[in-house]
Amino acid sequence: MMVLLLRKAKPGLKGQVTRWLSEIASSVYLGTVSSRVRERLWARVAAGIGEGGAVMIYPAQTEQGYALCTAGKLPYTFEDFEGLVLAKRRISAE
């Protein structure tokens, strides 16, 4: 099972994603696909995200049981702390 989160994605990209995954909430996609399909889908998302952002979460043999990929502009970053991936929110200087 994988989860894909899109921010500010173009409708065409969302349409490509819905061929493989179900949209369970606004810009949140869920589905079970093979690793080959997952990699190709991610390549399309990463190439087409433009000014938006994307996060893909999928099962992996890690301490947390999952791995993630990010692309584009997001309001947070993910950092590895001794094998645990934690989200870090960016604070904008105003």
N, C-alpha and C. Protein backbone atom coordinates (compact mmCIF):
# COMPACT_ATOMS: atom_id res chain seq x y z
N MET A 1 0.85 -1.18 0.00
CA MET A 1 0.00 0.00 0.00
C MET A 1 0.89 1.23 0.00
N MET A 2 0.48 2.22 -0.73
CA MET A 2 1.24 3.47 -0.76
C MET A 2 0.28 4.65 -0.63
N VAL A 3 0.83 5.75 -0.13
CA VAL A 3 0.08 7.00 0.02
C VAL A 3 0.85 8.07 -0.74
N LEU A 4 0.11 8.87 -1.49
CA LEU A 4 0.71 9.96 -2.24
C LEU A 4 -0.03 11.24 -1.91
N LEU A 5 0.71 12.26 -1.49
CA LEU A 5 0.15 13.57 -1.15
C LEU A 5 0.63 14.58 -2.18
N LEU A 6 -0.31 15.32 -2.76
CA LEU A 6 0.05 16.34 -3.75
C LEU A 6 -0.38 17.70 -3.27
N ARG A 7 0.46 18.71 -3.47
CA ARG A 7 0.13 20.10 -3.14
C ARG A 7 0.26 20.92 -4.41
N LYS A 8 -0.78 21.66 -4.73
CA LYS A 8 -0.78 22.56 -5.89
C LYS A 8 -0.41 21.84 -7.18
N ALA A 9 -0.94 20.65 -7.37
CA ALA A 9 -0.66 19.87 -8.58
C ALA A 9 -1.64 20.26 -9.68
N LYS A 10 -1.20 20.16 -10.90
CA LYS A 10 -2.05 20.46 -12.05
C LYS A 10 -3.08 19.35 -12.23
N PRO A 11 -4.24 19.67 -12.78
CA PRO A 11 -5.28 18.66 -12.99
C PRO A 11 -4.82 17.48 -13.84
N GLY A 12 -3.97 17.73 -14.83
CA GLY A 12 -3.48 16.65 -15.68
C GLY A 12 -2.66 15.62 -14.90
N LEU A 13 -1.85 16.12 -13.97
CA LEU A 13 -1.05 15.22 -13.13
C LEU A 13 -1.96 14.42 -12.20
N LYS A 14 -2.95 15.09 -11.63
CA LYS A 14 -3.90 14.39 -10.76
C LYS A 14 -4.64 13.30 -11.53
N GLY A 15 -4.97 13.57 -12.79
CA GLY A 15 -5.63 12.59 -13.62
C GLY A 15 -4.77 11.37 -13.87
N GLN A 16 -3.48 11.58 -14.09
CA GLN A 16 -2.56 10.45 -14.27
C GLN A 16 -2.47 9.61 -13.01
N VAL A 17 -2.45 10.27 -11.86
CA VAL A 17 -2.35 9.55 -10.58
C VAL A 17 -3.60 8.72 -10.32
N THR A 18 -4.77 9.26 -10.67
CA THR A 18 -6.02 8.53 -10.39
C THR A 18 -6.20 7.31 -11.27
N ARG A 19 -5.36 7.12 -12.27
CA ARG A 19 -5.39 5.87 -13.05
C ARG A 19 -4.94 4.69 -12.21
N TRP A 20 -4.09 4.97 -11.21
CA TRP A 20 -3.51 3.90 -10.40
C TRP A 20 -3.95 3.92 -8.94
N LEU A 21 -4.28 5.10 -8.42
CA LEU A 21 -4.59 5.25 -7.01
C LEU A 21 -5.97 5.88 -6.83
N SER A 22 -6.58 5.67 -5.67
CA SER A 22 -7.87 6.26 -5.34
C SER A 22 -7.66 7.53 -4.53
N GLU A 23 -8.41 8.58 -4.87
CA GLU A 23 -8.33 9.83 -4.12
C GLU A 23 -9.27 9.71 -2.93
N ILE A 24 -8.69 9.57 -1.73
CA ILE A 24 -9.51 9.35 -0.53
C ILE A 24 -9.86 10.65 0.19
N ALA A 25 -9.14 11.71 -0.11
CA ALA A 25 -9.42 13.06 0.39
C ALA A 25 -8.80 14.00 -0.63
N SER A 26 -9.05 15.28 -0.48
CA SER A 26 -8.52 16.23 -1.44
C SER A 26 -7.00 16.13 -1.54
N SER A 27 -6.51 15.73 -2.70
CA SER A 27 -5.07 15.60 -2.99
C SER A 27 -4.36 14.53 -2.17
N VAL A 28 -5.09 13.57 -1.62
CA VAL A 28 -4.50 12.44 -0.89
C VAL A 28 -4.91 11.17 -1.63
N TYR A 29 -3.92 10.42 -2.11
CA TYR A 29 -4.17 9.24 -2.93
C TYR A 29 -3.64 7.99 -2.23
N LEU A 30 -4.37 6.89 -2.38
CA LEU A 30 -4.04 5.65 -1.69
C LEU A 30 -4.23 4.49 -2.64
N GLY A 31 -3.34 3.51 -2.57
CA GLY A 31 -3.51 2.33 -3.41
C GLY A 31 -2.41 1.31 -3.20
N THR A 32 -2.62 0.15 -3.79
CA THR A 32 -1.63 -0.92 -3.76
C THR A 32 -1.17 -1.17 -5.19
N VAL A 33 0.09 -0.92 -5.43
CA VAL A 33 0.67 -1.11 -6.76
C VAL A 33 2.01 -1.84 -6.61
N SER A 34 2.50 -2.40 -7.70
CA SER A 34 3.81 -3.06 -7.66
C SER A 34 4.90 -2.00 -7.53
N SER A 35 6.09 -2.44 -7.16
CA SER A 35 7.20 -1.49 -7.01
C SER A 35 7.55 -0.87 -8.36
N ARG A 36 7.40 -1.60 -9.42
CA ARG A 36 7.69 -1.07 -10.76
C ARG A 36 6.72 0.07 -11.11
N VAL A 37 5.43 -0.16 -10.88
CA VAL A 37 4.43 0.88 -11.14
C VAL A 37 4.67 2.07 -10.22
N ARG A 38 4.97 1.80 -8.94
CA ARG A 38 5.23 2.88 -7.99
C ARG A 38 6.39 3.75 -8.45
N GLU A 39 7.48 3.16 -8.90
CA GLU A 39 8.64 3.92 -9.35
C GLU A 39 8.34 4.75 -10.59
N ARG A 40 7.61 4.18 -11.53
CA ARG A 40 7.26 4.92 -12.74
C ARG A 40 6.27 6.05 -12.45
N LEU A 41 5.31 5.77 -11.58
CA LEU A 41 4.36 6.79 -11.19
C LEU A 41 5.08 7.94 -10.49
N TRP A 42 6.01 7.61 -9.60
CA TRP A 42 6.76 8.64 -8.89
C TRP A 42 7.60 9.47 -9.86
N ALA A 43 8.18 8.84 -10.86
CA ALA A 43 8.97 9.58 -11.85
C ALA A 43 8.09 10.61 -12.57
N ARG A 44 6.85 10.23 -12.90
CA ARG A 44 5.93 11.17 -13.55
C ARG A 44 5.54 12.31 -12.61
N VAL A 45 5.26 11.95 -11.36
CA VAL A 45 4.87 12.97 -10.38
C VAL A 45 6.03 13.95 -10.17
N ALA A 46 7.23 13.44 -9.93
CA ALA A 46 8.39 14.30 -9.67
C ALA A 46 8.69 15.21 -10.86
N ALA A 47 8.51 14.69 -12.07
CA ALA A 47 8.79 15.49 -13.26
C ALA A 47 7.70 16.53 -13.52
N GLY A 48 6.47 16.24 -13.11
CA GLY A 48 5.36 17.12 -13.45
C GLY A 48 4.81 17.97 -12.33
N ILE A 49 5.42 17.95 -11.15
CA ILE A 49 4.85 18.66 -10.01
C ILE A 49 5.00 20.18 -10.14
N GLY A 50 5.96 20.65 -10.90
CA GLY A 50 6.11 22.10 -11.15
C GLY A 50 6.31 22.89 -9.87
N GLU A 51 5.44 23.88 -9.63
CA GLU A 51 5.55 24.74 -8.45
C GLU A 51 4.93 24.11 -7.21
N GLY A 52 4.33 22.95 -7.35
CA GLY A 52 3.70 22.27 -6.22
C GLY A 52 4.70 21.41 -5.47
N GLY A 53 4.16 20.48 -4.68
CA GLY A 53 4.99 19.56 -3.92
C GLY A 53 4.32 18.21 -3.80
N ALA A 54 5.11 17.19 -3.57
CA ALA A 54 4.58 15.84 -3.47
C ALA A 54 5.36 15.03 -2.43
N VAL A 55 4.65 14.14 -1.75
CA VAL A 55 5.26 13.20 -0.81
C VAL A 55 4.67 11.84 -1.10
N MET A 56 5.53 10.84 -1.25
CA MET A 56 5.08 9.47 -1.43
C MET A 56 5.59 8.63 -0.26
N ILE A 57 4.69 7.87 0.36
CA ILE A 57 5.03 7.00 1.48
C ILE A 57 4.68 5.58 1.08
N TYR A 58 5.62 4.65 1.27
CA TYR A 58 5.40 3.27 0.86
C TYR A 58 6.11 2.31 1.82
N PRO A 59 5.67 1.05 1.87
CA PRO A 59 6.27 0.08 2.78
C PRO A 59 7.74 -0.20 2.43
N ALA A 60 8.57 -0.34 3.46
CA ALA A 60 9.99 -0.65 3.26
C ALA A 60 10.52 -1.34 4.51
N GLN A 61 11.62 -2.03 4.35
CA GLN A 61 12.27 -2.72 5.46
C GLN A 61 13.13 -1.73 6.26
N THR A 62 12.47 -0.88 7.04
CA THR A 62 13.14 0.10 7.89
C THR A 62 12.60 -0.04 9.30
N GLU A 63 13.18 0.68 10.24
CA GLU A 63 12.71 0.66 11.61
C GLU A 63 11.25 1.09 11.72
N GLN A 64 10.86 2.05 10.91
CA GLN A 64 9.50 2.57 10.95
C GLN A 64 8.54 1.76 10.09
N GLY A 65 9.07 0.92 9.21
CA GLY A 65 8.23 0.10 8.34
C GLY A 65 7.82 0.79 7.05
N TYR A 66 8.34 1.98 6.81
CA TYR A 66 8.03 2.69 5.58
C TYR A 66 9.20 3.57 5.16
N ALA A 67 9.16 3.99 3.90
CA ALA A 67 10.12 4.95 3.36
C ALA A 67 9.32 6.04 2.68
N LEU A 68 9.97 7.17 2.39
CA LEU A 68 9.26 8.24 1.71
C LEU A 68 10.16 8.96 0.74
N CYS A 69 9.51 9.58 -0.24
CA CYS A 69 10.19 10.40 -1.24
C CYS A 69 9.48 11.74 -1.29
N THR A 70 10.22 12.80 -1.56
CA THR A 70 9.62 14.12 -1.70
C THR A 70 10.08 14.76 -3.00
N ALA A 71 9.24 15.65 -3.52
CA ALA A 71 9.59 16.41 -4.72
C ALA A 71 8.90 17.76 -4.66
N GLY A 72 9.52 18.75 -5.25
CA GLY A 72 8.90 20.07 -5.33
C GLY A 72 9.06 20.88 -4.06
N LYS A 73 8.17 21.86 -3.92
CA LYS A 73 8.22 22.78 -2.79
C LYS A 73 7.22 22.35 -1.73
N LEU A 74 7.73 22.09 -0.53
CA LEU A 74 6.89 21.67 0.60
C LEU A 74 7.16 22.57 1.79
N PRO A 75 6.18 22.73 2.69
CA PRO A 75 6.39 23.57 3.87
C PRO A 75 7.16 22.86 4.98
N TYR A 76 7.69 21.69 4.68
CA TYR A 76 8.44 20.92 5.67
C TYR A 76 9.48 20.08 4.96
N THR A 77 10.46 19.63 5.74
CA THR A 77 11.49 18.73 5.23
C THR A 77 11.47 17.48 6.09
N PHE A 78 12.06 16.42 5.59
CA PHE A 78 12.17 15.18 6.34
C PHE A 78 13.64 14.93 6.60
N GLU A 79 13.97 14.63 7.85
CA GLU A 79 15.36 14.39 8.21
C GLU A 79 15.49 13.05 8.91
N ASP A 80 16.60 12.38 8.65
CA ASP A 80 16.87 11.07 9.23
C ASP A 80 17.67 11.27 10.52
N PHE A 81 17.12 10.82 11.64
CA PHE A 81 17.80 10.88 12.93
C PHE A 81 18.02 9.45 13.42
N GLU A 82 19.21 8.92 13.15
CA GLU A 82 19.59 7.58 13.58
C GLU A 82 18.57 6.53 13.17
N GLY A 83 18.14 6.59 11.91
CA GLY A 83 17.22 5.59 11.38
C GLY A 83 15.75 5.95 11.45
N LEU A 84 15.41 7.02 12.14
CA LEU A 84 14.01 7.47 12.20
C LEU A 84 13.86 8.73 11.36
N VAL A 85 12.89 8.73 10.48
CA VAL A 85 12.63 9.89 9.63
C VAL A 85 11.59 10.75 10.32
N LEU A 86 11.96 12.01 10.57
CA LEU A 86 11.07 12.95 11.25
C LEU A 86 10.82 14.16 10.36
N ALA A 87 9.62 14.71 10.46
CA ALA A 87 9.26 15.90 9.69
C ALA A 87 9.70 17.15 10.45
N LYS A 88 10.21 18.11 9.71
CA LYS A 88 10.66 19.37 10.29
C LYS A 88 9.97 20.49 9.53
N ARG A 89 9.17 21.28 10.21
CA ARG A 89 8.41 22.37 9.59
C ARG A 89 9.32 23.54 9.33
N ARG A 90 9.22 24.10 8.14
CA ARG A 90 9.98 25.30 7.81
C ARG A 90 9.26 26.51 8.37
N ILE A 91 10.01 27.41 8.98
CA ILE A 91 9.44 28.64 9.50
C ILE A 91 9.91 29.76 8.59
N SER A 92 8.94 30.45 8.00
CA SER A 92 9.30 31.54 7.07
C SER A 92 9.63 32.80 7.86
N ALA A 93 10.65 33.48 7.39
CA ALA A 93 11.04 34.76 8.01
C ALA A 93 10.18 35.87 7.41
N GLU A 94 9.40 36.51 8.23
CA GLU A 94 8.51 37.58 7.74
C GLU A 94 8.90 38.91 8.30
